[in-house]
Each structure stands twice: as C-alpha cells, then as structure tokens.
N, C-alpha and C. Protein backbone atom coordinates (compact mmCIF):
# COMPACT_ATOMS: atom_id res chain seq x y z
N UNK A 1 105.70 105.92 111.46
CA UNK A 1 104.80 107.06 111.56
C UNK A 1 104.08 106.96 112.90
N UNK A 2 104.30 107.93 113.75
CA UNK A 2 103.69 107.91 115.07
C UNK A 2 102.23 108.34 115.07
N UNK A 3 101.88 109.29 114.21
CA UNK A 3 100.54 109.86 114.20
C UNK A 3 99.91 109.68 112.83
N UNK A 4 99.13 108.63 112.69
CA UNK A 4 98.43 108.36 111.44
C UNK A 4 97.16 109.21 111.41
N UNK A 5 97.01 110.02 110.38
CA UNK A 5 95.87 110.93 110.29
C UNK A 5 94.85 110.53 109.23
N UNK A 6 95.33 110.09 108.07
CA UNK A 6 94.45 109.75 106.96
C UNK A 6 94.89 108.45 106.32
N UNK A 7 93.92 107.69 105.83
CA UNK A 7 94.19 106.51 105.02
C UNK A 7 93.32 106.63 103.79
N UNK A 8 93.97 106.67 102.64
CA UNK A 8 93.26 106.81 101.37
C UNK A 8 93.49 105.55 100.56
N UNK A 9 92.49 105.11 99.80
CA UNK A 9 92.63 103.89 99.00
C UNK A 9 92.31 104.16 97.54
N UNK A 10 92.93 103.37 96.68
CA UNK A 10 92.68 103.52 95.25
C UNK A 10 93.01 102.26 94.49
N UNK A 11 92.54 102.22 93.26
CA UNK A 11 92.78 101.10 92.36
C UNK A 11 93.24 101.63 91.01
N UNK A 12 94.20 100.93 90.42
CA UNK A 12 94.68 101.31 89.10
C UNK A 12 94.82 100.07 88.22
N UNK A 13 94.55 100.24 86.94
CA UNK A 13 94.57 99.12 86.00
C UNK A 13 95.41 99.48 84.79
N UNK A 14 96.24 98.54 84.36
CA UNK A 14 96.86 98.61 83.04
C UNK A 14 96.25 97.47 82.23
N UNK A 15 95.32 97.81 81.34
CA UNK A 15 94.58 96.81 80.58
C UNK A 15 95.47 96.14 79.53
N UNK A 16 96.37 96.89 78.93
CA UNK A 16 97.27 96.33 77.92
C UNK A 16 98.69 96.77 78.21
N UNK A 17 99.63 95.87 78.06
CA UNK A 17 101.03 96.19 78.24
C UNK A 17 101.65 95.57 79.48
N UNK A 18 100.82 95.14 80.42
CA UNK A 18 101.29 94.47 81.63
C UNK A 18 102.39 95.28 82.33
N UNK A 19 102.10 96.55 82.56
CA UNK A 19 103.08 97.46 83.16
C UNK A 19 102.66 97.79 84.59
N UNK A 20 103.43 97.28 85.57
CA UNK A 20 103.09 97.52 86.97
C UNK A 20 103.22 98.99 87.34
N UNK A 21 104.10 99.72 86.65
CA UNK A 21 104.26 101.14 86.94
C UNK A 21 103.03 101.93 86.55
N UNK A 22 102.48 101.66 85.40
CA UNK A 22 101.27 102.37 84.97
C UNK A 22 100.12 102.07 85.91
N UNK A 23 99.90 100.79 86.22
CA UNK A 23 98.80 100.42 87.11
C UNK A 23 99.01 101.01 88.52
N UNK A 24 100.25 101.01 89.00
CA UNK A 24 100.54 101.54 90.34
C UNK A 24 100.36 103.05 90.39
N UNK A 25 100.82 103.76 89.37
CA UNK A 25 100.63 105.21 89.33
C UNK A 25 99.15 105.55 89.33
N UNK A 26 98.38 104.82 88.55
CA UNK A 26 96.94 105.07 88.50
C UNK A 26 96.28 104.79 89.85
N UNK A 27 96.74 103.76 90.54
CA UNK A 27 96.17 103.43 91.85
C UNK A 27 96.46 104.53 92.87
N UNK A 28 97.69 105.03 92.87
CA UNK A 28 98.05 106.11 93.81
C UNK A 28 97.27 107.37 93.47
N UNK A 29 97.20 107.72 92.19
CA UNK A 29 96.45 108.92 91.81
C UNK A 29 94.97 108.78 92.15
N UNK A 30 94.42 107.58 91.98
CA UNK A 30 93.04 107.34 92.35
C UNK A 30 92.83 107.55 93.85
N UNK A 31 93.82 107.16 94.64
CA UNK A 31 93.72 107.31 96.10
C UNK A 31 93.78 108.77 96.53
N UNK A 32 94.62 109.57 95.88
CA UNK A 32 94.85 110.94 96.37
C UNK A 32 94.16 112.01 95.54
N UNK A 33 93.70 111.69 94.36
CA UNK A 33 93.25 112.71 93.42
C UNK A 33 92.02 113.49 93.85
N UNK A 34 91.12 112.86 94.58
CA UNK A 34 89.88 113.57 94.93
C UNK A 34 89.85 113.97 96.41
N UNK A 35 91.04 114.15 97.00
CA UNK A 35 91.12 114.52 98.41
C UNK A 35 91.78 115.88 98.56
N UNK A 36 91.31 116.61 99.54
CA UNK A 36 91.96 117.84 99.95
C UNK A 36 92.09 117.79 101.46
N UNK A 37 93.25 118.15 101.96
CA UNK A 37 93.48 118.10 103.40
C UNK A 37 93.92 119.48 103.88
N UNK A 38 93.01 120.45 103.88
CA UNK A 38 93.38 121.82 104.20
C UNK A 38 93.89 122.01 105.63
N UNK A 39 93.54 121.13 106.53
CA UNK A 39 93.97 121.28 107.92
C UNK A 39 95.34 120.70 108.21
N UNK A 40 95.95 120.02 107.23
CA UNK A 40 97.25 119.38 107.47
C UNK A 40 98.30 120.35 107.95
N UNK A 41 98.35 121.50 107.36
CA UNK A 41 99.40 122.46 107.72
C UNK A 41 99.27 122.89 109.19
N UNK A 42 98.04 122.95 109.69
CA UNK A 42 97.82 123.33 111.08
C UNK A 42 98.22 122.21 112.04
N UNK A 43 98.11 120.98 111.59
CA UNK A 43 98.36 119.82 112.44
C UNK A 43 99.84 119.46 112.50
N UNK A 44 100.53 119.62 111.40
CA UNK A 44 101.92 119.17 111.30
C UNK A 44 102.86 119.99 112.18
N UNK A 45 103.91 119.38 112.69
CA UNK A 45 104.89 120.12 113.48
C UNK A 45 105.44 121.32 112.70
N UNK A 46 105.51 122.44 113.34
CA UNK A 46 106.01 123.69 112.74
C UNK A 46 105.20 124.12 111.52
N UNK A 47 103.99 123.59 111.36
CA UNK A 47 103.13 123.91 110.20
C UNK A 47 103.87 123.72 108.88
N UNK A 48 104.71 122.70 108.83
CA UNK A 48 105.58 122.45 107.68
C UNK A 48 105.12 121.19 106.94
N UNK A 49 104.62 121.38 105.71
CA UNK A 49 104.14 120.25 104.91
C UNK A 49 105.22 119.22 104.64
N UNK A 50 106.47 119.63 104.68
CA UNK A 50 107.55 118.68 104.44
C UNK A 50 107.82 117.79 105.65
N UNK A 51 107.16 118.06 106.78
CA UNK A 51 107.28 117.18 107.94
C UNK A 51 106.22 116.07 107.91
N UNK A 52 105.39 116.11 106.88
CA UNK A 52 104.40 115.07 106.70
C UNK A 52 105.11 113.78 106.29
N UNK A 53 104.58 112.65 106.76
CA UNK A 53 105.08 111.35 106.34
C UNK A 53 103.98 110.65 105.57
N UNK A 54 104.36 110.06 104.45
CA UNK A 54 103.40 109.37 103.60
C UNK A 54 103.95 107.98 103.30
N UNK A 55 103.16 106.98 103.63
CA UNK A 55 103.54 105.61 103.30
C UNK A 55 102.57 105.09 102.25
N UNK A 56 103.12 104.70 101.10
CA UNK A 56 102.32 104.16 100.01
C UNK A 56 102.49 102.65 100.03
N UNK A 57 101.38 101.94 100.19
CA UNK A 57 101.38 100.48 100.13
C UNK A 57 100.71 100.08 98.82
N UNK A 58 101.39 99.21 98.07
CA UNK A 58 100.86 98.78 96.79
C UNK A 58 100.71 97.26 96.77
N UNK A 59 99.51 96.80 96.49
CA UNK A 59 99.27 95.38 96.28
C UNK A 59 99.40 95.09 94.80
N UNK A 60 100.47 94.43 94.42
CA UNK A 60 100.80 94.22 93.01
C UNK A 60 100.79 92.71 92.71
N UNK A 61 100.11 92.29 91.63
CA UNK A 61 99.96 90.85 91.38
C UNK A 61 101.21 90.17 90.81
N UNK A 62 101.95 90.84 89.94
CA UNK A 62 103.09 90.24 89.24
C UNK A 62 104.14 91.30 88.98
N UNK A 63 105.35 90.87 88.66
CA UNK A 63 106.43 91.77 88.21
C UNK A 63 106.76 92.86 89.23
N UNK A 64 106.69 92.55 90.50
CA UNK A 64 106.94 93.57 91.53
C UNK A 64 108.34 94.15 91.43
N UNK A 65 109.29 93.38 90.92
CA UNK A 65 110.67 93.87 90.79
C UNK A 65 110.80 94.97 89.74
N UNK A 66 109.79 95.14 88.91
CA UNK A 66 109.82 96.17 87.86
C UNK A 66 109.29 97.51 88.33
N UNK A 67 108.79 97.57 89.56
CA UNK A 67 108.23 98.83 90.05
C UNK A 67 109.33 99.86 90.25
N UNK A 68 109.11 101.06 89.73
CA UNK A 68 110.03 102.18 89.91
C UNK A 68 109.57 102.96 91.15
N UNK A 69 110.19 102.68 92.28
CA UNK A 69 109.79 103.30 93.55
C UNK A 69 109.92 104.82 93.50
N UNK A 70 110.97 105.32 92.85
CA UNK A 70 111.16 106.77 92.78
C UNK A 70 110.03 107.45 92.01
N UNK A 71 109.56 106.80 90.96
CA UNK A 71 108.46 107.37 90.17
C UNK A 71 107.18 107.47 91.01
N UNK A 72 106.96 106.46 91.83
CA UNK A 72 105.79 106.49 92.71
C UNK A 72 105.94 107.60 93.75
N UNK A 73 107.12 107.73 94.33
CA UNK A 73 107.36 108.78 95.33
C UNK A 73 107.12 110.17 94.76
N UNK A 74 107.44 110.38 93.50
CA UNK A 74 107.27 111.69 92.87
C UNK A 74 105.81 112.10 92.73
N UNK A 75 104.89 111.15 92.85
CA UNK A 75 103.47 111.46 92.75
C UNK A 75 102.96 112.21 93.99
N UNK A 76 103.70 112.12 95.08
CA UNK A 76 103.31 112.77 96.34
C UNK A 76 104.10 114.07 96.46
N UNK A 77 103.43 115.22 96.46
CA UNK A 77 104.14 116.50 96.37
C UNK A 77 104.87 116.96 97.64
N UNK A 78 104.50 116.43 98.81
CA UNK A 78 105.09 116.94 100.05
C UNK A 78 105.50 115.78 100.95
N UNK A 79 106.42 116.08 101.84
CA UNK A 79 106.77 115.15 102.89
C UNK A 79 107.78 114.09 102.51
N UNK A 80 107.99 113.19 103.46
CA UNK A 80 108.87 112.05 103.27
C UNK A 80 107.99 110.87 102.86
N UNK A 81 108.32 110.28 101.73
CA UNK A 81 107.47 109.23 101.15
C UNK A 81 108.22 107.90 101.16
N UNK A 82 107.54 106.87 101.64
CA UNK A 82 108.05 105.51 101.54
C UNK A 82 107.08 104.69 100.70
N UNK A 83 107.62 103.68 100.04
CA UNK A 83 106.80 102.79 99.20
C UNK A 83 107.01 101.37 99.68
N UNK A 84 105.90 100.71 99.92
CA UNK A 84 105.92 99.33 100.39
C UNK A 84 105.14 98.48 99.39
N UNK A 85 105.76 97.40 98.92
CA UNK A 85 105.11 96.51 97.96
C UNK A 85 104.66 95.24 98.68
N UNK A 86 103.40 94.91 98.48
CA UNK A 86 102.81 93.73 99.11
C UNK A 86 102.21 92.82 98.04
N UNK A 87 102.11 91.53 98.32
CA UNK A 87 101.40 90.68 97.37
C UNK A 87 99.93 91.10 97.34
N UNK A 88 99.37 91.17 96.18
CA UNK A 88 97.97 91.57 96.11
C UNK A 88 97.57 91.94 94.71
N UNK A 89 96.51 92.70 94.60
CA UNK A 89 96.02 93.07 93.29
C UNK A 89 95.47 91.86 92.57
N UNK A 90 95.46 91.95 91.25
CA UNK A 90 94.91 90.87 90.44
C UNK A 90 95.48 90.94 89.04
N UNK A 91 95.82 89.80 88.50
CA UNK A 91 96.16 89.68 87.08
C UNK A 91 95.08 88.79 86.49
N UNK A 92 94.33 89.35 85.55
CA UNK A 92 93.23 88.60 84.96
C UNK A 92 93.18 88.89 83.46
N UNK A 93 92.49 88.08 82.73
CA UNK A 93 92.46 88.26 81.28
C UNK A 93 91.75 89.56 80.89
N UNK A 94 92.32 90.21 79.90
CA UNK A 94 91.66 91.37 79.31
C UNK A 94 90.71 90.92 78.21
N UNK A 95 90.83 89.66 77.84
CA UNK A 95 89.97 89.10 76.80
C UNK A 95 90.55 89.20 75.41
N UNK A 96 91.70 89.90 75.28
CA UNK A 96 92.28 90.07 73.95
C UNK A 96 93.77 90.38 74.05
N UNK A 97 94.53 89.88 73.14
CA UNK A 97 95.96 90.17 73.01
C UNK A 97 96.12 91.18 71.89
N UNK A 98 96.71 92.34 72.18
CA UNK A 98 96.91 93.38 71.19
C UNK A 98 98.39 93.71 71.09
N UNK A 99 99.03 93.20 70.08
CA UNK A 99 100.47 93.42 69.91
C UNK A 99 100.80 94.89 69.76
N UNK A 100 99.94 95.65 69.08
CA UNK A 100 100.21 97.08 68.87
C UNK A 100 100.09 97.89 70.16
N UNK A 101 99.58 97.28 71.23
CA UNK A 101 99.51 97.94 72.55
C UNK A 101 100.61 97.43 73.49
N UNK A 102 101.63 96.81 72.92
CA UNK A 102 102.77 96.26 73.66
C UNK A 102 102.39 95.12 74.60
N UNK A 103 101.29 94.43 74.28
CA UNK A 103 100.92 93.28 75.09
C UNK A 103 101.97 92.19 74.98
N UNK A 104 102.28 91.58 76.13
CA UNK A 104 103.14 90.41 76.18
C UNK A 104 102.27 89.16 76.27
N UNK A 105 101.04 89.34 76.73
CA UNK A 105 100.04 88.29 76.87
C UNK A 105 98.67 88.97 76.94
N UNK A 106 97.65 88.23 77.32
CA UNK A 106 96.30 88.85 77.37
C UNK A 106 95.89 89.30 78.77
N UNK A 107 96.87 89.45 79.67
CA UNK A 107 96.53 89.84 81.04
C UNK A 107 96.41 91.35 81.21
N UNK A 108 95.54 91.74 82.13
CA UNK A 108 95.53 93.11 82.62
C UNK A 108 95.97 93.06 84.08
N UNK A 109 96.70 94.08 84.50
CA UNK A 109 97.19 94.16 85.88
C UNK A 109 96.34 95.16 86.65
N UNK A 110 95.87 94.72 87.79
CA UNK A 110 95.07 95.56 88.68
C UNK A 110 95.87 95.71 89.98
N UNK A 111 96.15 96.95 90.36
CA UNK A 111 96.94 97.25 91.56
C UNK A 111 96.06 98.01 92.55
N UNK A 112 96.18 97.65 93.82
CA UNK A 112 95.49 98.36 94.89
C UNK A 112 96.50 99.21 95.65
N UNK A 113 96.10 100.41 96.00
CA UNK A 113 96.97 101.32 96.74
C UNK A 113 96.32 101.74 98.05
N UNK A 114 97.13 101.84 99.08
CA UNK A 114 96.74 102.47 100.34
C UNK A 114 97.77 103.55 100.59
N UNK A 115 97.30 104.76 100.80
CA UNK A 115 98.19 105.88 101.07
C UNK A 115 97.91 106.35 102.49
N UNK A 116 98.90 106.16 103.35
CA UNK A 116 98.79 106.55 104.75
C UNK A 116 99.49 107.89 104.94
N UNK A 117 98.81 108.83 105.60
CA UNK A 117 99.37 110.18 105.78
C UNK A 117 99.36 110.52 107.27
N UNK A 118 100.46 111.06 107.72
CA UNK A 118 100.56 111.46 109.11
C UNK A 118 101.88 112.17 109.36
N UNK A 119 102.37 112.04 110.59
CA UNK A 119 103.68 112.63 110.93
C UNK A 119 104.28 111.86 112.09
C-alpha cells in the first residue's frame, strides 16, 4: 500500500469456545464499526471504492492455523483486502469451564486488530 490514509484498531474476545474466528471477527468489527470515511471516494483513484486497499493485521494468541482468512475478508465491504496474522493477543482464564458453551478448556481468547486503509 503506497498511500496509507487510516489506521483503525479494535479488540475482540471469545470468552467461551476458544474460537479464533469469533474473536477475530469481533476485533475487526470493533475496529471498523464506529467509523465513517465519507471522503474516501474523493481521495481514491477514479473515485472508485474498489481501488481501496485494506490490510487487516490480527494479533492472535493461539490456534492461528484455524483462522478463516476469507471470512475475515468478507467483513470489509470494499476494496482489495489482505489478512496478516501476527503473534499477539492474549489467552487467559475465563474463570470457568462450561461444556455447554463448547469450551475445550477455561481459556478466553483475546484478539487485537489493526485495519489499515489506503490505496
């Protein structure tokens, strides 16, 4: 990405179930959900939202191989989206094991997201 315009950050947690996809989706939505970029269309080449480039960086504590990159990409409605997985986030005790919540152990997964937008 030659022209970085915005950097948005977010955090997502899966308290039960130890699912990196749920925590990652929540982190990305947290990063982008309360933002509006009305000037993007004026800035982008040919005023085309599909010429926007979005790089999603996810700090994931465990099970990085289970991340569904395509599912994360679908959260971004415009442009070319890339997903980069980095060591990070946190796996810490939720304080309780709940079998009916598909827990494999008592950990909760906390994922950090950085969403870079530009062209």
